[in-house]
């Protein structure tokens, strides 16, 4: 244990000086009044004999020095009966305060050395003394104090006050030991290094620290007088270094994510996960609170990954030819338009995905899917799940479409579809790995909440989606976006309404790293989100 004892060396009133010409050294290893076996006090070889020549002597009785030294000897020996016989009056808290003091500081013995008695009146004498509380190890509390002695008839007796134990202790006060928390846990990256400062992960890791156990607790012994601030006597720190809370965050990836958001004027977030495991490698959150994990936004065309998976499950392939007109009229419903009224004619399903054709996806969803098949596919990608990351989190939500208009809107991520940036990063990770893994920010064995089960995608569907997401970068909406080789992804531009700018998305992966970039009211995915992803990936 590391101990910082507070040596109480404050002089008592009237500036008592300890002459040290004479002294008795008395020690004990028990608590006065506690009914314990008392060790026989010993006299230090260096202590002089008890002086008598200059002491006030009453011809009919004892001297104040004799009474005072007898009291100190009884105190050191833990002989409460002998102590009380030498008091002019026994206060109710006398034994309690003796016991509290010794227990609170953890004293093993006390050494008491009297000084020279000093008359203060015809029948009053002050006897200064030095007390040394011996603690475990080599520590001690040293303090000067004074015994007040009164003449009672022919005898001298001690007029006891709490100040005898400590000059700051008063009647009504107590000496207590209270536990203090151990050192606060330190957060660390997966490499065991400190988390980067100002990286946007602060709201998440704060919760992790709050839920972690601190280091071994220490304690403080202090005097508590009514209406006064506590007086600390001694403090003992807890053992060992602060415990370390290791997260799944990769320090370098986290720094790259944070710097990629620098310069983005709108609230934004970047979440990166490891597809093979679900580990959260970075969370740079400029949305406020824990928006990247807990806030849901319309995902726009990034949701076409889910719709495409459902359509592929009906028998289409990435090479199946489909129509991508500028306008699609839902039978007995509303018209659906492509972004900026673009007409791509007849192209492959892969190209329709790469060009983000709203009309293609609306028609395929209306003609080939049902409310149950779309919601089931969304569920396979985590929608509807509460994510046990260690710092909370939700994925996304989708109300089963009740008609063709709702089906069409949901198919390209509008309507009732909402998702968190974390959810969309894990969705991209599922395509890369072929299995949806629930994300986590702490090692799984440290997370109390149950993890959602992993969900495997059909192999042919996963393979087709990889081809289609690669085409987005090489020939589609993210072409010429400055992304490094090997990146596959999907842009998204989600309408917000009420005259506000659209939300911008880009989700994707490169090798065993998946990510989602979200810029709130940032505009188009290609214009606002892709450049952030490019800065992030090019820095790795």
Protein backbone atom coordinates (compact mmCIF):
# COMPACT_ATOMS: atom_id res chain seq x y z
CA UNK A 1 0.00 0.00 0.00
CA UNK A 2 1.24 3.52 -0.70
CA UNK A 3 0.58 5.81 2.22
CA UNK A 4 0.79 9.56 2.52
CA UNK A 5 0.48 10.16 6.26
CA UNK A 6 -0.36 13.66 7.39
CA UNK A 7 1.99 14.38 10.26
CA UNK A 8 0.03 16.52 12.60
CA UNK A 9 2.65 18.86 14.01
CA UNK A 10 0.51 21.86 14.77
CA UNK A 11 1.38 23.40 18.12
CA UNK A 12 -1.29 23.70 20.73
CA UNK A 13 -2.44 26.97 22.15
CA UNK A 14 0.03 29.08 24.14
CA UNK A 15 2.94 27.80 21.98
CA UNK A 16 3.87 24.82 24.15
CA UNK A 17 7.49 23.85 23.86
CA UNK A 18 8.55 20.31 24.64
CA UNK A 19 11.73 20.46 26.63
CA UNK A 20 12.46 16.75 26.48
CA UNK A 21 14.62 16.90 29.59
CA UNK A 22 12.63 14.03 30.95
CA UNK A 23 10.17 11.57 29.46
CA UNK A 24 8.46 8.32 29.77
CA UNK A 25 7.93 6.25 26.66
CA UNK A 26 4.99 3.98 26.92
CA UNK A 27 3.58 1.75 24.23
CA UNK A 28 0.80 -0.71 23.70
CA UNK A 29 -0.78 -2.84 20.99
CA UNK A 30 -4.44 -2.66 21.89
CA UNK A 31 -7.37 -0.30 21.97
CA UNK A 32 -8.19 1.51 25.24
CA UNK A 33 -11.52 0.34 26.48
CA UNK A 34 -11.82 -2.39 23.85
CA UNK A 35 -11.33 -5.27 26.28
CA UNK A 36 -8.21 -6.53 24.47
CA UNK A 37 -5.04 -8.03 25.93
CA UNK A 38 -2.62 -5.18 26.66
CA UNK A 39 1.06 -5.45 25.91
CA UNK A 40 3.34 -4.37 28.77
CA UNK A 41 4.62 -0.85 28.02
CA UNK A 42 8.35 -0.43 27.68
CA UNK A 43 10.61 2.50 28.53
CA UNK A 44 12.94 3.67 25.82
CA UNK A 45 16.62 3.27 26.83
CA UNK A 46 17.17 6.88 25.81
CA UNK A 47 14.34 8.27 27.97
CA UNK A 48 15.46 10.02 31.18
CA UNK A 49 13.96 9.26 34.55
CA UNK A 50 10.84 11.11 35.80
CA UNK A 51 11.77 14.51 37.28
CA UNK A 52 10.42 15.47 40.71
CA UNK A 53 12.53 18.33 42.09
CA UNK A 54 10.88 21.18 40.15
CA UNK A 55 7.36 19.79 40.14
CA UNK A 56 4.67 21.31 42.30
CA UNK A 57 4.33 19.13 45.34
CA UNK A 58 1.38 19.14 47.66
CA UNK A 59 2.45 17.95 51.10
CA UNK A 60 -0.87 16.21 51.60
CA UNK A 61 -1.02 14.32 48.29
CA UNK A 62 0.48 13.54 44.87
CA UNK A 63 2.09 15.90 42.34
CA UNK A 64 0.61 16.95 38.98
CA UNK A 65 3.58 15.36 37.20
CA UNK A 66 2.99 12.06 38.96
CA UNK A 67 -0.70 12.13 38.10
CA UNK A 68 -0.01 13.15 34.51
CA UNK A 69 2.66 10.51 33.89
CA UNK A 70 0.50 7.86 35.57
CA UNK A 71 -2.32 8.79 33.23
CA UNK A 72 -0.07 8.62 30.16
CA UNK A 73 1.31 5.28 31.33
CA UNK A 74 -2.22 3.88 31.72
CA UNK A 75 -3.18 5.27 28.30
CA UNK A 76 -0.22 3.61 26.60
CA UNK A 77 -1.03 0.34 28.36
CA UNK A 78 -4.69 0.52 27.33
CA UNK A 79 -5.80 0.44 30.96
CA UNK A 80 -9.08 2.30 30.73
CA UNK A 81 -9.97 1.69 34.38
CA UNK A 82 -6.73 3.26 35.57
CA UNK A 83 -7.26 6.21 33.24
CA UNK A 84 -10.80 6.89 34.45
CA UNK A 85 -9.66 6.76 38.14
CA UNK A 86 -7.32 9.65 37.37
CA UNK A 87 -10.02 11.84 35.78
CA UNK A 88 -11.80 14.54 37.73
CA UNK A 89 -14.89 13.64 35.69
CA UNK A 90 -15.50 10.92 33.08
CA UNK A 91 -17.23 12.36 29.98
CA UNK A 92 -19.72 10.00 28.23
CA UNK A 93 -17.70 9.97 25.01
CA UNK A 94 -14.35 9.35 26.71
CA UNK A 95 -13.97 5.65 25.87
CA UNK A 96 -15.71 5.97 22.51
CA UNK A 97 -13.37 8.65 21.19
CA UNK A 98 -10.28 6.74 22.33
CA UNK A 99 -11.52 3.67 20.51
CA UNK A 100 -12.55 5.61 17.38
CA UNK A 101 -9.21 7.36 17.06
CA UNK A 102 -7.13 4.23 17.36
CA UNK A 103 -9.34 2.21 15.01
CA UNK A 104 -9.61 4.96 12.39
CA UNK A 105 -5.87 5.52 11.99
CA UNK A 106 -5.04 1.83 12.34
CA UNK A 107 -2.56 2.38 15.15
CA UNK A 108 -0.61 -0.59 16.50
CA UNK A 109 0.77 1.27 19.52
CA UNK A 110 1.20 4.71 21.00
CA UNK A 111 4.25 6.31 22.58
CA UNK A 112 3.62 9.19 25.01
CA UNK A 113 6.42 11.42 26.32
CA UNK A 114 5.62 14.02 29.03
CA UNK A 115 7.28 17.42 29.13
CA UNK A 116 7.69 19.94 31.94
CA UNK A 117 4.53 20.80 33.93
CA UNK A 118 3.55 24.47 33.92
CA UNK A 119 1.34 26.07 36.61
CA UNK A 120 -1.51 28.15 35.18
CA UNK A 121 -3.19 28.98 38.48
CA UNK A 122 -3.21 28.13 42.15
CA UNK A 123 -4.90 24.79 41.54
CA UNK A 124 -4.27 24.22 37.82
CA UNK A 125 -1.32 22.85 35.92
CA UNK A 126 -0.70 22.08 32.25
CA UNK A 127 1.42 19.07 31.36
CA UNK A 128 2.58 19.10 27.74
CA UNK A 129 3.32 15.79 26.09
CA UNK A 130 4.18 14.38 22.68
CA UNK A 131 2.14 11.54 21.25
CA UNK A 132 3.43 9.22 18.57
CA UNK A 133 0.90 6.85 17.03
CA UNK A 134 2.78 3.92 15.53
CA UNK A 135 1.01 2.67 12.40
CA UNK A 136 1.56 -0.40 10.30
CA UNK A 137 4.89 -0.35 8.54
CA UNK A 138 7.14 2.55 9.33
CA UNK A 139 4.50 5.28 9.35
CA UNK A 140 3.44 7.27 12.34
CA UNK A 141 1.38 10.26 13.41
CA UNK A 142 3.24 12.66 15.69
CA UNK A 143 1.50 15.49 17.50
CA UNK A 144 1.98 17.69 20.58
CA UNK A 145 -0.83 17.95 23.10
CA UNK A 146 -1.39 18.90 26.71
CA UNK A 147 -3.05 17.44 29.79
CA UNK A 148 -4.99 19.84 32.00
CA UNK A 149 -4.64 18.94 35.70
CA UNK A 150 -6.84 20.24 38.51
CA UNK A 151 -6.36 19.95 42.23
CA UNK A 152 -9.27 18.12 43.79
CA UNK A 153 -8.92 18.21 47.56
CA UNK A 154 -5.44 16.92 48.22
CA UNK A 155 -5.17 15.09 44.89
CA UNK A 156 -4.35 16.10 41.34
CA UNK A 157 -6.68 14.85 38.63
CA UNK A 158 -6.89 15.11 34.83
CA UNK A 159 -9.54 17.44 33.42
CA UNK A 160 -10.08 15.52 30.14
CA UNK A 161 -11.07 17.21 26.88
CA UNK A 162 -11.25 15.68 23.38
CA UNK A 163 -8.30 17.93 22.44
CA UNK A 164 -6.08 15.56 24.43
CA UNK A 165 -6.49 13.04 21.59
CA UNK A 166 -6.04 15.69 18.90
CA UNK A 167 -6.07 19.47 19.14
CA UNK A 168 -8.77 19.69 16.41
CA UNK A 169 -11.15 17.21 18.04
CA UNK A 170 -14.10 18.71 19.91
CA UNK A 171 -16.98 17.50 22.02
CA UNK A 172 -19.66 16.16 19.68
CA UNK A 173 -17.08 15.21 17.07
CA UNK A 174 -15.95 11.80 15.93
CA UNK A 175 -12.89 10.18 14.38
CA UNK A 176 -13.89 8.01 11.45
CA UNK A 177 -12.33 6.00 8.68
CA UNK A 178 -14.05 6.16 5.32
CA UNK A 179 -13.32 4.37 2.11
CA UNK A 180 -12.17 6.35 -0.89
CA UNK A 181 -12.49 4.99 -4.43
CA UNK A 182 -9.51 3.40 -6.04
CA UNK A 183 -7.84 4.99 -8.99
CA UNK A 184 -10.21 5.58 -11.89
CA UNK A 185 -9.96 3.12 -14.75
CA UNK A 186 -7.95 4.16 -17.78
CA UNK A 187 -9.37 3.60 -21.21
CA UNK A 188 -7.13 2.03 -23.78
CA UNK A 189 -7.21 1.09 -27.41
CA UNK A 190 -6.90 -2.51 -28.53
CA UNK A 191 -3.13 -1.96 -28.55
CA UNK A 192 -3.16 -0.93 -24.87
CA UNK A 193 -2.39 2.71 -25.69
CA UNK A 194 -4.36 5.76 -24.51
CA UNK A 195 -7.33 6.77 -26.60
CA UNK A 196 -6.66 9.72 -28.92
CA UNK A 197 -7.82 13.05 -27.54
CA UNK A 198 -10.69 14.94 -29.16
CA UNK A 199 -11.43 12.07 -31.50
CA UNK A 200 -15.22 11.99 -31.23
CA UNK A 201 -15.30 8.80 -29.17
CA UNK A 202 -15.55 10.58 -25.82
CA UNK A 203 -19.31 10.06 -25.17
CA UNK A 204 -18.91 6.32 -25.73
CA UNK A 205 -15.83 5.68 -23.64
CA UNK A 206 -17.17 7.80 -20.76
CA UNK A 207 -19.91 5.21 -20.28
CA UNK A 208 -17.36 2.41 -20.39
CA UNK A 209 -15.34 4.05 -17.61
CA UNK A 210 -18.45 4.65 -15.50
CA UNK A 211 -19.37 0.99 -15.69
CA UNK A 212 -15.88 -0.30 -14.95
CA UNK A 213 -14.55 -1.22 -11.53
CA UNK A 214 -11.98 1.21 -10.12
CA UNK A 215 -8.69 0.09 -8.63
CA UNK A 216 -8.34 -1.19 -5.10
CA UNK A 217 -9.96 1.28 -2.72
CA UNK A 218 -7.99 3.25 -0.17
CA UNK A 219 -9.17 5.01 2.96
CA UNK A 220 -9.00 8.27 4.88
CA UNK A 221 -9.00 8.73 8.66
CA UNK A 222 -10.48 12.10 9.55
CA UNK A 223 -11.98 14.14 12.36
CA UNK A 224 -15.59 15.14 11.81
CA UNK A 225 -16.76 17.95 14.09
CA UNK A 226 -20.35 19.22 13.84
CA UNK A 227 -20.70 22.07 11.37
CA UNK A 228 -17.03 22.01 10.30
CA UNK A 229 -15.10 20.68 7.36
CA UNK A 230 -13.46 17.29 8.01
CA UNK A 231 -9.85 17.29 9.21
CA UNK A 232 -7.81 14.64 7.41
CA UNK A 233 -5.38 12.74 9.65
CA UNK A 234 -4.02 10.15 7.24
CA UNK A 235 -4.77 8.86 3.77
CA UNK A 236 -3.91 5.49 2.31
CA UNK A 237 -4.04 5.04 -1.45
CA UNK A 238 -5.26 1.87 -3.11
CA UNK A 239 -2.76 -0.67 -4.35
CA UNK A 240 -1.39 -0.90 -7.83
CA UNK A 241 -1.93 1.09 -11.02
CA UNK A 242 -5.31 2.17 -12.27
CA UNK A 243 -7.13 -0.68 -13.99
CA UNK A 244 -7.24 -0.48 -17.76
CA UNK A 245 -10.43 -0.80 -19.77
CA UNK A 246 -9.41 -2.17 -23.15
CA UNK A 247 -11.74 -1.30 -26.00
CA UNK A 248 -11.87 -2.65 -29.53
CA UNK A 249 -10.88 0.75 -30.93
CA UNK A 250 -7.80 0.81 -33.10
CA UNK A 251 -5.82 3.94 -32.19
CA UNK A 252 -4.61 4.69 -35.71
CA UNK A 253 -7.98 4.02 -37.36
CA UNK A 254 -9.68 6.19 -34.73
CA UNK A 255 -7.30 9.08 -35.39
CA UNK A 256 -7.82 8.74 -39.14
CA UNK A 257 -11.61 8.77 -38.71
CA UNK A 258 -11.50 11.86 -36.50
CA UNK A 259 -9.24 13.78 -38.88
CA UNK A 260 -11.40 12.80 -41.85
CA UNK A 261 -14.28 14.75 -40.28
CA UNK A 262 -12.18 17.86 -39.72
CA UNK A 263 -13.50 20.62 -41.91
CA UNK A 264 -17.01 19.17 -42.24
CA UNK A 265 -19.27 22.04 -41.25
CA UNK A 266 -22.40 19.93 -40.65
CA UNK A 267 -22.87 17.40 -37.86
CA UNK A 268 -21.35 14.13 -39.06
CA UNK A 269 -20.18 10.70 -37.98
CA UNK A 270 -17.86 7.98 -39.19
CA UNK A 271 -18.07 4.45 -37.80
CA UNK A 272 -15.65 1.67 -38.74
CA UNK A 273 -16.03 -2.02 -37.88
CA UNK A 274 -14.18 -5.23 -38.57
CA UNK A 275 -16.40 -7.41 -40.82
CA UNK A 276 -14.93 -10.71 -39.66
CA UNK A 277 -15.78 -10.10 -35.99
CA UNK A 278 -18.05 -7.08 -35.53
CA UNK A 279 -15.45 -5.17 -33.49
CA UNK A 280 -15.90 -1.40 -33.58
CA UNK A 281 -12.54 -0.07 -34.75
CA UNK A 282 -13.45 3.63 -34.72
CA UNK A 283 -16.34 5.91 -33.86
CA UNK A 284 -15.82 9.57 -34.68
CA UNK A 285 -19.07 11.23 -33.66
CA UNK A 286 -19.79 14.92 -34.29
CA UNK A 287 -23.55 14.46 -34.05
CA UNK A 288 -23.71 15.06 -30.30
CA UNK A 289 -24.29 12.58 -27.51
CA UNK A 290 -23.99 9.11 -28.95
CA UNK A 291 -25.76 9.85 -32.21
CA UNK A 292 -23.68 7.46 -34.30
CA UNK A 293 -24.96 4.55 -32.23
CA UNK A 294 -28.38 5.70 -31.09
CA UNK A 295 -29.86 8.23 -33.54
CA UNK A 296 -31.68 6.94 -36.61
CA UNK A 297 -31.95 8.75 -39.92
CA UNK A 298 -33.44 7.86 -43.32
CA UNK A 299 -30.61 5.97 -45.05
CA UNK A 300 -31.62 6.86 -48.58
CA UNK A 301 -30.16 4.72 -51.35
CA UNK A 302 -27.73 2.92 -49.03
CA UNK A 303 -30.79 0.84 -48.07
CA UNK A 304 -30.82 -0.45 -51.65
CA UNK A 305 -28.28 -3.01 -50.40
CA UNK A 306 -31.10 -4.61 -48.38
CA UNK A 307 -33.62 -4.33 -51.23
CA UNK A 308 -31.11 -5.76 -53.70
CA UNK A 309 -30.48 -8.73 -51.41
CA UNK A 310 -34.22 -9.41 -51.23
CA UNK A 311 -34.60 -9.10 -55.02
CA UNK A 312 -31.59 -11.35 -55.64
CA UNK A 313 -33.32 -13.89 -53.44
CA UNK A 314 -36.18 -14.03 -55.95
CA UNK A 315 -33.96 -15.32 -58.74
CA UNK A 316 -32.46 -12.20 -60.33
CA UNK A 317 -28.69 -11.94 -60.77
CA UNK A 318 -26.35 -8.98 -61.02
CA UNK A 319 -26.31 -9.44 -64.80
CA UNK A 320 -30.10 -9.58 -65.30
CA UNK A 321 -31.25 -6.77 -67.55
CA UNK A 322 -33.67 -4.31 -66.00
CA UNK A 323 -35.25 -1.00 -66.98
CA UNK A 324 -34.09 2.29 -65.50
CA UNK A 325 -36.44 4.94 -66.91
CA UNK A 326 -36.54 8.51 -65.65
CA UNK A 327 -40.05 7.90 -64.29
CA UNK A 328 -41.95 4.87 -63.03
CA UNK A 329 -45.65 5.01 -62.42
CA UNK A 330 -46.82 2.70 -59.64
CA UNK A 331 -50.04 0.99 -60.76
CA UNK A 332 -52.86 2.85 -59.06
CA UNK A 333 -50.25 4.77 -57.14
CA UNK A 334 -47.78 7.62 -57.25
CA UNK A 335 -44.97 8.22 -59.75
CA UNK A 336 -41.33 7.55 -58.80
CA UNK A 337 -38.57 9.68 -60.30
CA UNK A 338 -34.83 9.14 -60.68
CA UNK A 339 -32.43 11.67 -59.23
CA UNK A 340 -32.36 14.69 -61.56
CA UNK A 341 -34.74 12.82 -63.94
CA UNK A 342 -31.98 10.66 -65.41
CA UNK A 343 -32.98 7.93 -67.86
CA UNK A 344 -30.51 5.06 -68.21
CA UNK A 345 -32.66 2.85 -70.38
CA UNK A 346 -32.18 -0.90 -70.18
CA UNK A 347 -29.11 -1.88 -68.15
CA UNK A 348 -27.98 -4.72 -65.91
CA UNK A 349 -29.10 -4.94 -62.31
CA UNK A 350 -25.47 -4.29 -61.33
CA UNK A 351 -25.47 -1.05 -63.35
CA UNK A 352 -28.85 0.00 -61.95
CA UNK A 353 -27.41 -0.43 -58.46
CA UNK A 354 -24.22 1.45 -59.39
CA UNK A 355 -26.24 4.35 -60.88
CA UNK A 356 -28.70 4.20 -57.94
CA UNK A 357 -31.85 3.96 -60.10
CA UNK A 358 -34.85 4.69 -57.90
CA UNK A 359 -37.25 3.65 -60.64
CA UNK A 360 -35.61 0.24 -61.02
CA UNK A 361 -35.75 -0.56 -57.34
CA UNK A 362 -39.29 0.76 -56.88
CA UNK A 363 -40.56 -1.41 -59.75
CA UNK A 364 -38.69 -4.56 -58.66
CA UNK A 365 -39.90 -4.15 -55.07
CA UNK A 366 -43.52 -3.63 -56.11
CA UNK A 367 -43.47 -6.54 -58.58
CA UNK A 368 -41.31 -9.08 -56.74
CA UNK A 369 -41.41 -8.40 -53.00
CA UNK A 370 -43.99 -8.45 -50.25
CA UNK A 371 -44.03 -6.60 -46.95
CA UNK A 372 -42.89 -9.80 -45.24
CA UNK A 373 -39.96 -10.50 -47.58
CA UNK A 374 -38.61 -6.94 -47.33
CA UNK A 375 -38.90 -6.75 -43.55
CA UNK A 376 -37.38 -10.24 -43.19
CA UNK A 377 -34.39 -9.18 -45.32
CA UNK A 378 -33.98 -6.03 -43.25
CA UNK A 379 -34.03 -8.14 -40.11
CA UNK A 380 -31.23 -10.31 -41.51
CA UNK A 381 -29.12 -7.13 -41.69
CA UNK A 382 -29.86 -6.21 -38.07
CA UNK A 383 -32.86 -3.93 -38.45
CA UNK A 384 -35.03 -4.04 -35.36
CA UNK A 385 -32.18 -5.21 -33.13
CA UNK A 386 -30.83 -3.50 -30.03
CA UNK A 387 -27.06 -3.72 -30.31
CA UNK A 388 -25.07 -4.84 -27.25
CA UNK A 389 -21.91 -2.87 -27.93
CA UNK A 390 -21.02 -2.15 -24.33
CA UNK A 391 -22.06 1.47 -24.93
CA UNK A 392 -25.61 0.85 -26.15
CA UNK A 393 -26.84 1.23 -29.69
CA UNK A 394 -29.68 0.54 -32.03
CA UNK A 395 -29.67 -0.58 -35.65
CA UNK A 396 -32.64 0.46 -37.73
CA UNK A 397 -36.36 0.23 -38.12
CA UNK A 398 -38.83 -0.43 -40.90
CA UNK A 399 -42.60 -0.47 -40.68
CA UNK A 400 -43.97 -3.23 -42.96
CA UNK A 401 -45.28 -1.41 -46.05
CA UNK A 402 -49.06 -1.51 -46.30
CA UNK A 403 -49.37 -0.67 -50.01
CA UNK A 404 -47.33 -0.34 -53.20
CA UNK A 405 -46.56 3.32 -52.63
CA UNK A 406 -45.04 2.50 -49.24
CA UNK A 407 -43.19 -0.47 -50.70
CA UNK A 408 -41.64 1.71 -53.40
CA UNK A 409 -40.55 4.42 -50.97
CA UNK A 410 -39.07 1.91 -48.54
CA UNK A 411 -37.16 0.18 -51.32
CA UNK A 412 -34.77 3.10 -51.71
CA UNK A 413 -34.51 4.06 -48.05
CA UNK A 414 -37.25 6.67 -47.71
CA UNK A 415 -40.72 6.14 -46.29
CA UNK A 416 -40.55 4.53 -42.88
CA UNK A 417 -36.93 3.30 -43.10
CA UNK A 418 -34.48 4.66 -40.52
CA UNK A 419 -31.00 3.51 -39.53
CA UNK A 420 -28.09 4.56 -37.34
CA UNK A 421 -24.61 5.10 -38.79
CA UNK A 422 -23.45 2.10 -36.74
CA UNK A 423 -26.19 -0.03 -38.30
CA UNK A 424 -25.15 0.90 -41.82
CA UNK A 425 -21.46 0.22 -41.12
CA UNK A 426 -22.37 -3.27 -39.92
CA UNK A 427 -24.61 -3.74 -42.95
CA UNK A 428 -21.66 -3.07 -45.27
CA UNK A 429 -19.53 -5.39 -43.13
CA UNK A 430 -22.07 -8.18 -43.60
CA UNK A 431 -21.72 -7.95 -47.38
CA UNK A 432 -17.93 -8.13 -47.19
CA UNK A 433 -17.88 -11.08 -44.79
CA UNK A 434 -21.03 -12.90 -45.86
CA UNK A 435 -22.26 -12.93 -42.24
CA UNK A 436 -23.88 -10.19 -40.18
CA UNK A 437 -22.07 -9.89 -36.83
CA UNK A 438 -23.41 -7.77 -33.98
CA UNK A 439 -20.99 -4.91 -33.31
CA UNK A 440 -19.22 -4.42 -29.99
CA UNK A 441 -16.93 -1.80 -28.43
CA UNK A 442 -15.76 -3.89 -25.47
CA UNK A 443 -14.51 -7.46 -25.53
CA UNK A 444 -17.59 -9.67 -25.72
CA UNK A 445 -16.85 -11.35 -22.38
CA UNK A 446 -17.12 -7.94 -20.68
CA UNK A 447 -20.56 -7.10 -22.10
CA UNK A 448 -23.45 -7.98 -19.82
CA UNK A 449 -26.29 -7.74 -22.35
CA UNK A 450 -26.85 -10.73 -24.63
CA UNK A 451 -25.42 -10.41 -28.14
CA UNK A 452 -27.80 -10.76 -31.11
CA UNK A 453 -27.09 -13.89 -33.07
CA UNK A 454 -24.89 -13.68 -36.17
CA UNK A 455 -26.84 -14.14 -39.42
CA UNK A 456 -25.38 -15.67 -42.53
CA UNK A 457 -26.25 -14.33 -45.97
CA UNK A 458 -26.85 -16.73 -48.85
CA UNK A 459 -23.48 -17.14 -50.55
CA UNK A 460 -24.76 -16.25 -54.04
CA UNK A 461 -26.52 -13.15 -52.71
CA UNK A 462 -23.41 -11.95 -50.85
CA UNK A 463 -21.24 -12.52 -53.94
CA UNK A 464 -23.62 -10.56 -56.17
CA UNK A 465 -23.80 -7.68 -53.70
CA UNK A 466 -19.99 -7.46 -53.61
CA UNK A 467 -19.92 -7.17 -57.40
CA UNK A 468 -22.61 -4.50 -57.34
CA UNK A 469 -20.98 -2.43 -54.56
CA UNK A 470 -17.62 -2.57 -56.35
CA UNK A 471 -19.31 -1.18 -59.45
CA UNK A 472 -20.53 1.86 -57.50
CA UNK A 473 -16.90 2.93 -57.11
CA UNK A 474 -15.57 1.91 -60.51
CA UNK A 475 -18.44 3.05 -62.74
CA UNK A 476 -21.26 4.41 -60.61
CA UNK A 477 -22.10 7.31 -58.32
CA UNK A 478 -18.78 7.17 -56.39
CA UNK A 479 -16.52 7.06 -59.46
CA UNK A 480 -13.74 9.66 -59.44
CA UNK A 481 -14.35 10.19 -55.72
CA UNK A 482 -10.69 9.80 -54.79
CA UNK A 483 -11.22 6.45 -53.11
CA UNK A 484 -8.26 4.04 -53.00
CA UNK A 485 -8.25 0.81 -54.99
CA UNK A 486 -10.23 -2.08 -53.58
CA UNK A 487 -13.07 -0.05 -52.07
CA UNK A 488 -16.66 -1.15 -52.62
CA UNK A 489 -19.64 0.82 -51.36
CA UNK A 490 -22.97 2.53 -51.87
CA UNK A 491 -23.86 6.20 -51.86
CA UNK A 492 -27.06 7.52 -50.39
CA UNK A 493 -28.93 10.81 -50.57
CA UNK A 494 -31.86 10.87 -48.18
CA UNK A 495 -34.61 13.45 -48.51
CA UNK A 496 -35.51 15.20 -45.27
CA UNK A 497 -38.28 17.54 -46.37
CA UNK A 498 -39.41 20.88 -44.99
CA UNK A 499 -36.93 22.67 -47.20
CA UNK A 500 -33.89 21.25 -45.43
CA UNK A 501 -30.86 19.86 -47.30
CA UNK A 502 -30.68 16.10 -47.82
CA UNK A 503 -28.67 13.77 -45.62
CA UNK A 504 -25.50 12.40 -47.23
CA UNK A 505 -24.34 8.79 -46.83
CA UNK A 506 -21.58 6.55 -48.06
CA UNK A 507 -21.15 3.02 -46.73
CA UNK A 508 -18.65 0.42 -47.84
CA UNK A 509 -15.64 -1.71 -47.11
CA UNK A 510 -12.06 -2.37 -48.06
CA UNK A 511 -10.55 -5.71 -47.06
CA UNK A 512 -11.47 -6.43 -43.40
CA UNK A 513 -12.58 -2.87 -42.70
CA UNK A 514 -16.14 -1.66 -43.18
CA UNK A 515 -17.40 1.86 -42.58
CA UNK A 516 -20.31 4.26 -42.75
CA UNK A 517 -20.01 8.01 -43.29
CA UNK A 518 -23.02 10.18 -42.47
CA UNK A 519 -23.27 13.95 -42.92
CA UNK A 520 -26.48 15.42 -41.54
CA UNK A 521 -28.07 17.79 -44.09
CA UNK A 522 -24.85 17.53 -46.06
CA UNK A 523 -26.36 17.20 -49.55
CA UNK A 524 -25.58 14.28 -51.82
CA UNK A 525 -23.72 11.17 -50.81
CA UNK A 526 -21.28 11.57 -53.69
CA UNK A 527 -20.65 15.24 -52.92
CA UNK A 528 -20.44 15.21 -49.10
CA UNK A 529 -19.88 11.69 -47.79
CA UNK A 530 -17.56 10.13 -50.36
CA UNK A 531 -14.82 12.78 -49.85
CA UNK A 532 -14.84 12.06 -46.10
CA UNK A 533 -14.47 8.33 -46.77
CA UNK A 534 -11.64 9.04 -49.21
CA UNK A 535 -9.72 11.10 -46.61
CA UNK A 536 -10.28 8.37 -44.05
CA UNK A 537 -9.18 5.44 -46.20
CA UNK A 538 -6.25 7.20 -47.85
CA UNK A 539 -4.83 7.98 -44.40
CA UNK A 540 -4.66 4.30 -43.43
